[in-house]
Amino acid sequence: MTATNFEVTARQQREDRAHAEQVRQQEARISARRELTDLRRACYISLNTTARQYQTAQINLMHALRARDDAETRTCAEQLEERRLDYRGSYAEAQMIVPAAVLRETRSGNHQLNSAYGLLKEMLAGGHPDDSEPSRLELETEMSWALLSDLRAAMRSDLGVDELSKEFQLRAPGTNGLSRRDPRAACRALSGGARQT
């Protein structure tokens, strides 16, 4: 082998090794991104589930208080505490994982759920609620629903679900202009409008 052939072969081997290293680094970045997405997805599922259960426990306790059923009120109060602890664990995990835009929505939802919880604790401490307290709690619940809906939208957007949904809507007949806040309308449009709600 001549010196020129040796140099060409050596250069080619260096380029091949450099290319292989670039491919390896790219694959490592893709793998790390996929792992982070999987971690966030699991966190979002946990946060969404526990937030909904926490809110449901609040509503159940509100109904028990309104019915003036002491046994049911005790049971619902215990369940509320369990759901609150589960939610706190999910929220603490989210604080360490989610990006800033989602964390802002998470904090808003958390603040609202805890505001409703505080009102429920006041109602429990005072015995049976007067007529104005359940009305205040219903307002708190409506606000919680809205903020949790915004949180779910932020989580879905972060995971890229919205982009996939937009692609589907562009391909699906009759879904143009539907709001993300009215999923029943989207279901009716996709099913040909057969069912009315």
C-alpha atoms as a PDB file:
ATOM      1  CA  MET A   1       0.000   0.000   0.000  1.00  0.00           C
ATOM      2  CA  THR A   2       1.436   3.366  -0.958  1.00  0.00           C
ATOM      3  CA  ALA A   3       1.625   6.312   1.389  1.00  0.00           C
ATOM      4  CA  THR A   4      -1.168   8.071  -0.516  1.00  0.00           C
ATOM      5  CA  ASN A   5      -3.466   5.041  -0.263  1.00  0.00           C
ATOM      6  CA  PHE A   6      -2.628   4.738   3.429  1.00  0.00           C
ATOM      7  CA  GLU A   7      -3.493   8.401   4.026  1.00  0.00           C
ATOM      8  CA  VAL A   8      -6.771   8.051   2.115  1.00  0.00           C
ATOM      9  CA  THR A   9      -7.676   4.920   4.074  1.00  0.00           C
ATOM     10  CA  ALA A  10      -6.733   6.540   7.397  1.00  0.00           C
ATOM     11  CA  ARG A  11      -8.770   9.669   6.552  1.00  0.00           C
ATOM     12  CA  GLN A  12     -11.756   7.529   5.568  1.00  0.00           C
ATOM     13  CA  GLN A  13     -11.530   5.590   8.835  1.00  0.00           C
ATOM     14  CA  ARG A  14     -11.394   8.849  10.843  1.00  0.00           C
ATOM     15  CA  GLU A  15     -14.451  10.159   8.975  1.00  0.00           C
ATOM     16  CA  ASP A  16     -16.259   6.869   9.551  1.00  0.00           C
ATOM     17  CA  ARG A  17     -15.462   6.983  13.279  1.00  0.00           C
ATOM     18  CA  ALA A  18     -16.532  10.654  13.489  1.00  0.00           C
ATOM     19  CA  HIS A  19     -19.771   9.860  11.668  1.00  0.00           C
ATOM     20  CA  ALA A  20     -20.422   6.851  13.911  1.00  0.00           C
ATOM     21  CA  GLU A  21     -19.866   9.059  16.980  1.00  0.00           C
ATOM     22  CA  GLN A  22     -22.294  11.683  15.631  1.00  0.00           C
ATOM     23  CA  VAL A  23     -24.913   8.971  15.041  1.00  0.00           C
ATOM     24  CA  ARG A  24     -24.330   7.578  18.550  1.00  0.00           C
ATOM     25  CA  GLN A  25     -24.704  11.053  20.106  1.00  0.00           C
ATOM     26  CA  GLN A  26     -27.863  11.741  18.104  1.00  0.00           C
ATOM     27  CA  GLU A  27     -29.359   8.410  19.177  1.00  0.00           C
ATOM     28  CA  ALA A  28     -28.462   9.180  22.804  1.00  0.00           C
ATOM     29  CA  ARG A  29     -30.210  12.590  22.562  1.00  0.00           C
ATOM     30  CA  ILE A  30     -33.307  10.985  21.033  1.00  0.00           C
ATOM     31  CA  SER A  31     -33.331   8.299  23.717  1.00  0.00           C
ATOM     32  CA  ALA A  32     -32.947  10.887  26.509  1.00  0.00           C
ATOM     33  CA  ARG A  33     -35.748  12.999  25.013  1.00  0.00           C
ATOM     34  CA  ARG A  34     -37.993   9.916  24.783  1.00  0.00           C
ATOM     35  CA  GLU A  35     -37.235   8.984  28.413  1.00  0.00           C
ATOM     36  CA  LEU A  36     -38.049  12.523  29.568  1.00  0.00           C
ATOM     37  CA  THR A  37     -41.304  12.481  27.614  1.00  0.00           C
ATOM     38  CA  ASP A  38     -42.215   9.113  29.134  1.00  0.00           C
ATOM     39  CA  LEU A  39     -41.393  10.447  32.615  1.00  0.00           C
ATOM     40  CA  ARG A  40     -43.528  13.549  32.084  1.00  0.00           C
ATOM     41  CA  ARG A  41     -46.394  11.497  30.624  1.00  0.00           C
ATOM     42  CA  ALA A  42     -46.418   9.266  33.726  1.00  0.00           C
ATOM     43  CA  CYS A  43     -46.270  12.356  35.944  1.00  0.00           C
ATOM     44  CA  TYR A  44     -49.125  14.002  34.032  1.00  0.00           C
ATOM     45  CA  ILE A  45     -51.297  10.900  34.253  1.00  0.00           C
ATOM     46  CA  SER A  46     -50.714  10.702  37.997  1.00  0.00           C
ATOM     47  CA  LEU A  47     -51.321  14.426  38.500  1.00  0.00           C
ATOM     48  CA  ASN A  48     -54.506  14.420  36.416  1.00  0.00           C
ATOM     49  CA  THR A  49     -55.857  11.305  38.138  1.00  0.00           C
ATOM     50  CA  THR A  50     -55.119  12.427  41.687  1.00  0.00           C
ATOM     51  CA  ALA A  51     -56.398  15.975  41.059  1.00  0.00           C
ATOM     52  CA  ARG A  52     -59.685  14.608  39.751  1.00  0.00           C
ATOM     53  CA  GLN A  53     -59.985  12.214  42.700  1.00  0.00           C
ATOM     54  CA  TYR A  54     -59.190  15.035  45.133  1.00  0.00           C
ATOM     55  CA  GLN A  55     -61.874  17.188  43.563  1.00  0.00           C
ATOM     56  CA  THR A  56     -64.392  14.333  43.525  1.00  0.00           C
ATOM     57  CA  ALA A  57     -63.739  13.727  47.232  1.00  0.00           C
ATOM     58  CA  GLN A  58     -64.410  17.429  47.852  1.00  0.00           C
ATOM     59  CA  ILE A  59     -67.713  17.238  45.985  1.00  0.00           C
ATOM     60  CA  ASN A  60     -68.718  14.058  47.825  1.00  0.00           C
ATOM     61  CA  LEU A  61     -68.062  15.737  51.164  1.00  0.00           C
ATOM     62  CA  MET A  62     -70.021  18.802  50.076  1.00  0.00           C
ATOM     63  CA  HIS A  63     -73.032  16.596  49.279  1.00  0.00           C
ATOM     64  CA  ALA A  64     -72.724  14.743  52.599  1.00  0.00           C
ATOM     65  CA  LEU A  65     -72.594  18.045  54.485  1.00  0.00           C
ATOM     66  CA  ARG A  66     -75.577  19.342  52.558  1.00  0.00           C
ATOM     67  CA  ALA A  67     -77.539  16.148  53.373  1.00  0.00           C
ATOM     68  CA  ARG A  68     -76.572  16.535  57.057  1.00  0.00           C
ATOM     69  CA  ASP A  69     -75.573  12.872  57.161  1.00  0.00           C
ATOM     70  CA  ASP A  70     -72.984  12.640  59.952  1.00  0.00           C
ATOM     71  CA  ALA A  71     -71.836   9.086  59.170  1.00  0.00           C
ATOM     72  CA  GLU A  72     -71.428   9.841  55.465  1.00  0.00           C
ATOM     73  CA  THR A  73     -69.706  13.118  56.316  1.00  0.00           C
ATOM     74  CA  ARG A  74     -67.099  11.284  58.446  1.00  0.00           C
ATOM     75  CA  THR A  75     -66.505   8.725  55.695  1.00  0.00           C
ATOM     76  CA  CYS A  76     -66.190  11.417  53.034  1.00  0.00           C
ATOM     77  CA  ALA A  77     -63.886  13.516  55.238  1.00  0.00           C
ATOM     78  CA  GLU A  78     -61.556  10.532  55.689  1.00  0.00           C
ATOM     79  CA  GLN A  79     -61.582   9.847  51.969  1.00  0.00           C
ATOM     80  CA  LEU A  80     -60.859  13.517  51.283  1.00  0.00           C
ATOM     81  CA  GLU A  81     -57.740  13.373  53.455  1.00  0.00           C
ATOM     82  CA  GLU A  82     -56.528  10.241  51.637  1.00  0.00           C
ATOM     83  CA  ARG A  83     -57.113  11.825  48.229  1.00  0.00           C
ATOM     84  CA  ARG A  84     -55.427  15.030  49.339  1.00  0.00           C
ATOM     85  CA  LEU A  85     -52.293  13.149  50.393  1.00  0.00           C
ATOM     86  CA  ASP A  86     -52.211  11.241  47.090  1.00  0.00           C
ATOM     87  CA  TYR A  87     -52.582  14.501  45.198  1.00  0.00           C
ATOM     88  CA  ARG A  88     -49.843  16.200  47.239  1.00  0.00           C
ATOM     89  CA  GLY A  89     -47.421  13.430  46.249  1.00  0.00           C
ATOM     90  CA  SER A  90     -48.250  13.853  42.557  1.00  0.00           C
ATOM     91  CA  TYR A  91     -48.004  17.625  42.831  1.00  0.00           C
ATOM     92  CA  ALA A  92     -44.599  17.397  44.532  1.00  0.00           C
ATOM     93  CA  GLU A  93     -43.357  15.134  41.733  1.00  0.00           C
ATOM     94  CA  ALA A  94     -44.689  17.532  39.096  1.00  0.00           C
ATOM     95  CA  GLN A  95     -42.813  20.426  40.693  1.00  0.00           C
ATOM     96  CA  MET A  96     -39.559  18.596  39.937  1.00  0.00           C
ATOM     97  CA  ILE A  97     -40.383  17.386  36.407  1.00  0.00           C
ATOM     98  CA  VAL A  98     -42.711  19.631  34.443  1.00  0.00           C
ATOM     99  CA  PRO A  99     -41.634  22.625  32.352  1.00  0.00           C
ATOM    100  CA  ALA A 100     -42.362  26.174  33.521  1.00  0.00           C
ATOM    101  CA  ALA A 101     -45.461  26.717  31.345  1.00  0.00           C
ATOM    102  CA  VAL A 102     -47.147  23.598  32.708  1.00  0.00           C
ATOM    103  CA  LEU A 103     -45.959  24.362  36.241  1.00  0.00           C
ATOM    104  CA  ARG A 104     -47.815  27.709  36.154  1.00  0.00           C
ATOM    105  CA  GLU A 105     -51.065  25.897  35.315  1.00  0.00           C
ATOM    106  CA  THR A 106     -50.272  23.254  37.940  1.00  0.00           C
ATOM    107  CA  ARG A 107     -49.833  25.916  40.616  1.00  0.00           C
ATOM    108  CA  SER A 108     -53.118  27.597  39.679  1.00  0.00           C
ATOM    109  CA  GLY A 109     -55.014  24.319  39.881  1.00  0.00           C
ATOM    110  CA  ASN A 110     -53.300  23.421  43.147  1.00  0.00           C
ATOM    111  CA  HIS A 111     -54.150  26.768  44.700  1.00  0.00           C
ATOM    112  CA  GLN A 112     -57.794  26.434  43.687  1.00  0.00           C
ATOM    113  CA  LEU A 113     -58.160  22.850  44.924  1.00  0.00           C
ATOM    114  CA  ASN A 114     -56.626  23.849  48.250  1.00  0.00           C
ATOM    115  CA  SER A 115     -58.899  26.871  48.478  1.00  0.00           C
ATOM    116  CA  ALA A 116     -61.930  24.577  48.160  1.00  0.00           C
ATOM    117  CA  TYR A 117     -60.340  22.199  50.688  1.00  0.00           C
ATOM    118  CA  GLY A 118     -59.920  25.075  53.155  1.00  0.00           C
ATOM    119  CA  LEU A 119     -63.559  26.041  52.781  1.00  0.00           C
ATOM    120  CA  LEU A 120     -64.615  22.430  53.387  1.00  0.00           C
ATOM    121  CA  LYS A 121     -62.482  22.273  56.535  1.00  0.00           C
ATOM    122  CA  GLU A 122     -64.168  25.453  57.799  1.00  0.00           C
ATOM    123  CA  MET A 123     -67.566  23.918  57.085  1.00  0.00           C
ATOM    124  CA  LEU A 124     -66.578  20.735  58.947  1.00  0.00           C
ATOM    125  CA  ALA A 125     -65.331  22.687  61.941  1.00  0.00           C
ATOM    126  CA  GLY A 126     -68.583  24.644  62.103  1.00  0.00           C
ATOM    127  CA  GLY A 127     -70.840  21.602  61.999  1.00  0.00           C
ATOM    128  CA  HIS A 128     -73.548  21.725  59.391  1.00  0.00           C
ATOM    129  CA  PRO A 129     -73.136  24.490  56.815  1.00  0.00           C
ATOM    130  CA  ASP A 130     -75.474  27.412  56.459  1.00  0.00           C
ATOM    131  CA  ASP A 131     -77.115  28.065  53.092  1.00  0.00           C
ATOM    132  CA  SER A 132     -74.387  30.374  51.750  1.00  0.00           C
ATOM    133  CA  GLU A 133     -71.437  28.015  52.312  1.00  0.00           C
ATOM    134  CA  PRO A 134     -72.472  25.307  49.806  1.00  0.00           C
ATOM    135  CA  SER A 135     -73.024  28.053  47.229  1.00  0.00           C
ATOM    136  CA  ARG A 136     -69.500  29.337  47.832  1.00  0.00           C
ATOM    137  CA  LEU A 137     -68.176  25.796  47.548  1.00  0.00           C
ATOM    138  CA  GLU A 138     -70.036  25.265  44.274  1.00  0.00           C
ATOM    139  CA  LEU A 139     -68.342  28.381  42.916  1.00  0.00           C
ATOM    140  CA  GLU A 140     -64.956  27.095  44.104  1.00  0.00           C
ATOM    141  CA  THR A 141     -65.707  23.766  42.394  1.00  0.00           C
ATOM    142  CA  GLU A 142     -66.577  25.468  39.099  1.00  0.00           C
ATOM    143  CA  MET A 143     -63.321  27.400  39.271  1.00  0.00           C
ATOM    144  CA  SER A 144     -61.436  24.170  40.000  1.00  0.00           C
ATOM    145  CA  TRP A 145     -62.983  22.476  36.975  1.00  0.00           C
ATOM    146  CA  ALA A 146     -61.950  25.343  34.721  1.00  0.00           C
ATOM    147  CA  LEU A 147     -58.385  25.457  36.059  1.00  0.00           C
ATOM    148  CA  LEU A 148     -57.985  21.678  35.902  1.00  0.00           C
ATOM    149  CA  SER A 149     -59.222  21.782  32.314  1.00  0.00           C
ATOM    150  CA  ASP A 150     -56.562  24.386  31.525  1.00  0.00           C
ATOM    151  CA  LEU A 151     -53.961  22.211  33.257  1.00  0.00           C
ATOM    152  CA  ARG A 152     -54.950  19.176  31.181  1.00  0.00           C
ATOM    153  CA  ALA A 153     -54.715  21.279  28.016  1.00  0.00           C
ATOM    154  CA  ALA A 154     -51.205  22.452  29.000  1.00  0.00           C
ATOM    155  CA  MET A 155     -50.089  18.888  29.737  1.00  0.00           C
ATOM    156  CA  ARG A 156     -51.518  17.608  26.447  1.00  0.00           C
ATOM    157  CA  SER A 157     -49.835  20.424  24.576  1.00  0.00           C
ATOM    158  CA  ASP A 158     -46.492  19.673  26.221  1.00  0.00           C
ATOM    159  CA  LEU A 159     -46.792  16.026  25.178  1.00  0.00           C
ATOM    160  CA  GLY A 160     -47.678  17.029  21.613  1.00  0.00           C
ATOM    161  CA  VAL A 161     -51.174  15.573  21.816  1.00  0.00           C
ATOM    162  CA  ASP A 162     -52.729  18.814  20.558  1.00  0.00           C
ATOM    163  CA  GLU A 163     -50.638  18.734  17.386  1.00  0.00           C
ATOM    164  CA  LEU A 164     -51.819  15.185  16.717  1.00  0.00           C
ATOM    165  CA  SER A 165     -55.398  16.236  17.454  1.00  0.00           C
ATOM    166  CA  LYS A 166     -55.132  19.152  15.008  1.00  0.00           C
ATOM    167  CA  GLU A 167     -53.880  16.810  12.300  1.00  0.00           C
ATOM    168  CA  PHE A 168     -56.832  14.501  12.989  1.00  0.00           C
ATOM    169  CA  GLN A 169     -59.297  17.393  12.900  1.00  0.00           C
ATOM    170  CA  LEU A 170     -57.938  18.549   9.564  1.00  0.00           C
ATOM    171  CA  ARG A 171     -58.551  15.085   8.135  1.00  0.00           C
ATOM    172  CA  ALA A 172     -61.895  14.383   9.835  1.00  0.00           C
ATOM    173  CA  PRO A 173     -65.002  15.723   8.065  1.00  0.00           C
ATOM    174  CA  GLY A 174     -67.210  18.145   9.925  1.00  0.00           C
ATOM    175  CA  THR A 175     -64.803  19.018  12.754  1.00  0.00           C
ATOM    176  CA  ASN A 176     -63.587  22.426  11.580  1.00  0.00           C
ATOM    177  CA  GLY A 177     -63.871  25.187  14.144  1.00  0.00           C
ATOM    178  CA  LEU A 178     -64.753  23.003  17.132  1.00  0.00           C
ATOM    179  CA  SER A 179     -63.561  24.232  20.480  1.00  0.00           C
ATOM    180  CA  ARG A 180     -61.277  22.095  22.644  1.00  0.00           C
ATOM    181  CA  ARG A 181     -63.618  22.956  25.482  1.00  0.00           C
ATOM    182  CA  ASP A 182     -66.531  21.087  23.879  1.00  0.00           C
ATOM    183  CA  PRO A 183     -65.440  17.480  23.371  1.00  0.00           C
ATOM    184  CA  ARG A 184     -69.061  16.301  23.120  1.00  0.00           C
ATOM    185  CA  ALA A 185     -69.503  18.472  20.020  1.00  0.00           C
ATOM    186  CA  ALA A 186     -66.419  16.867  18.480  1.00  0.00           C
ATOM    187  CA  CYS A 187     -67.776  13.386  19.271  1.00  0.00           C
ATOM    188  CA  ARG A 188     -71.162  14.287  17.760  1.00  0.00           C
ATOM    189  CA  ALA A 189     -69.471  15.671  14.650  1.00  0.00           C
ATOM    190  CA  LEU A 190     -67.325  12.578  14.254  1.00  0.00           C
ATOM    191  CA  SER A 191     -70.321  10.269  14.695  1.00  0.00           C
ATOM    192  CA  GLY A 192     -72.399  12.187  12.167  1.00  0.00           C
ATOM    193  CA  GLY A 193     -74.351  14.161  14.759  1.00  0.00           C
ATOM    194  CA  ALA A 194     -76.499  11.160  15.633  1.00  0.00           C
ATOM    195  CA  ARG A 195     -76.644  11.840  19.363  1.00  0.00           C
ATOM    196  CA  GLN A 196     -77.935  15.022  20.945  1.00  0.00           C
ATOM    197  CA  THR A 197     -76.994  16.096  24.480  1.00  0.00           C
END
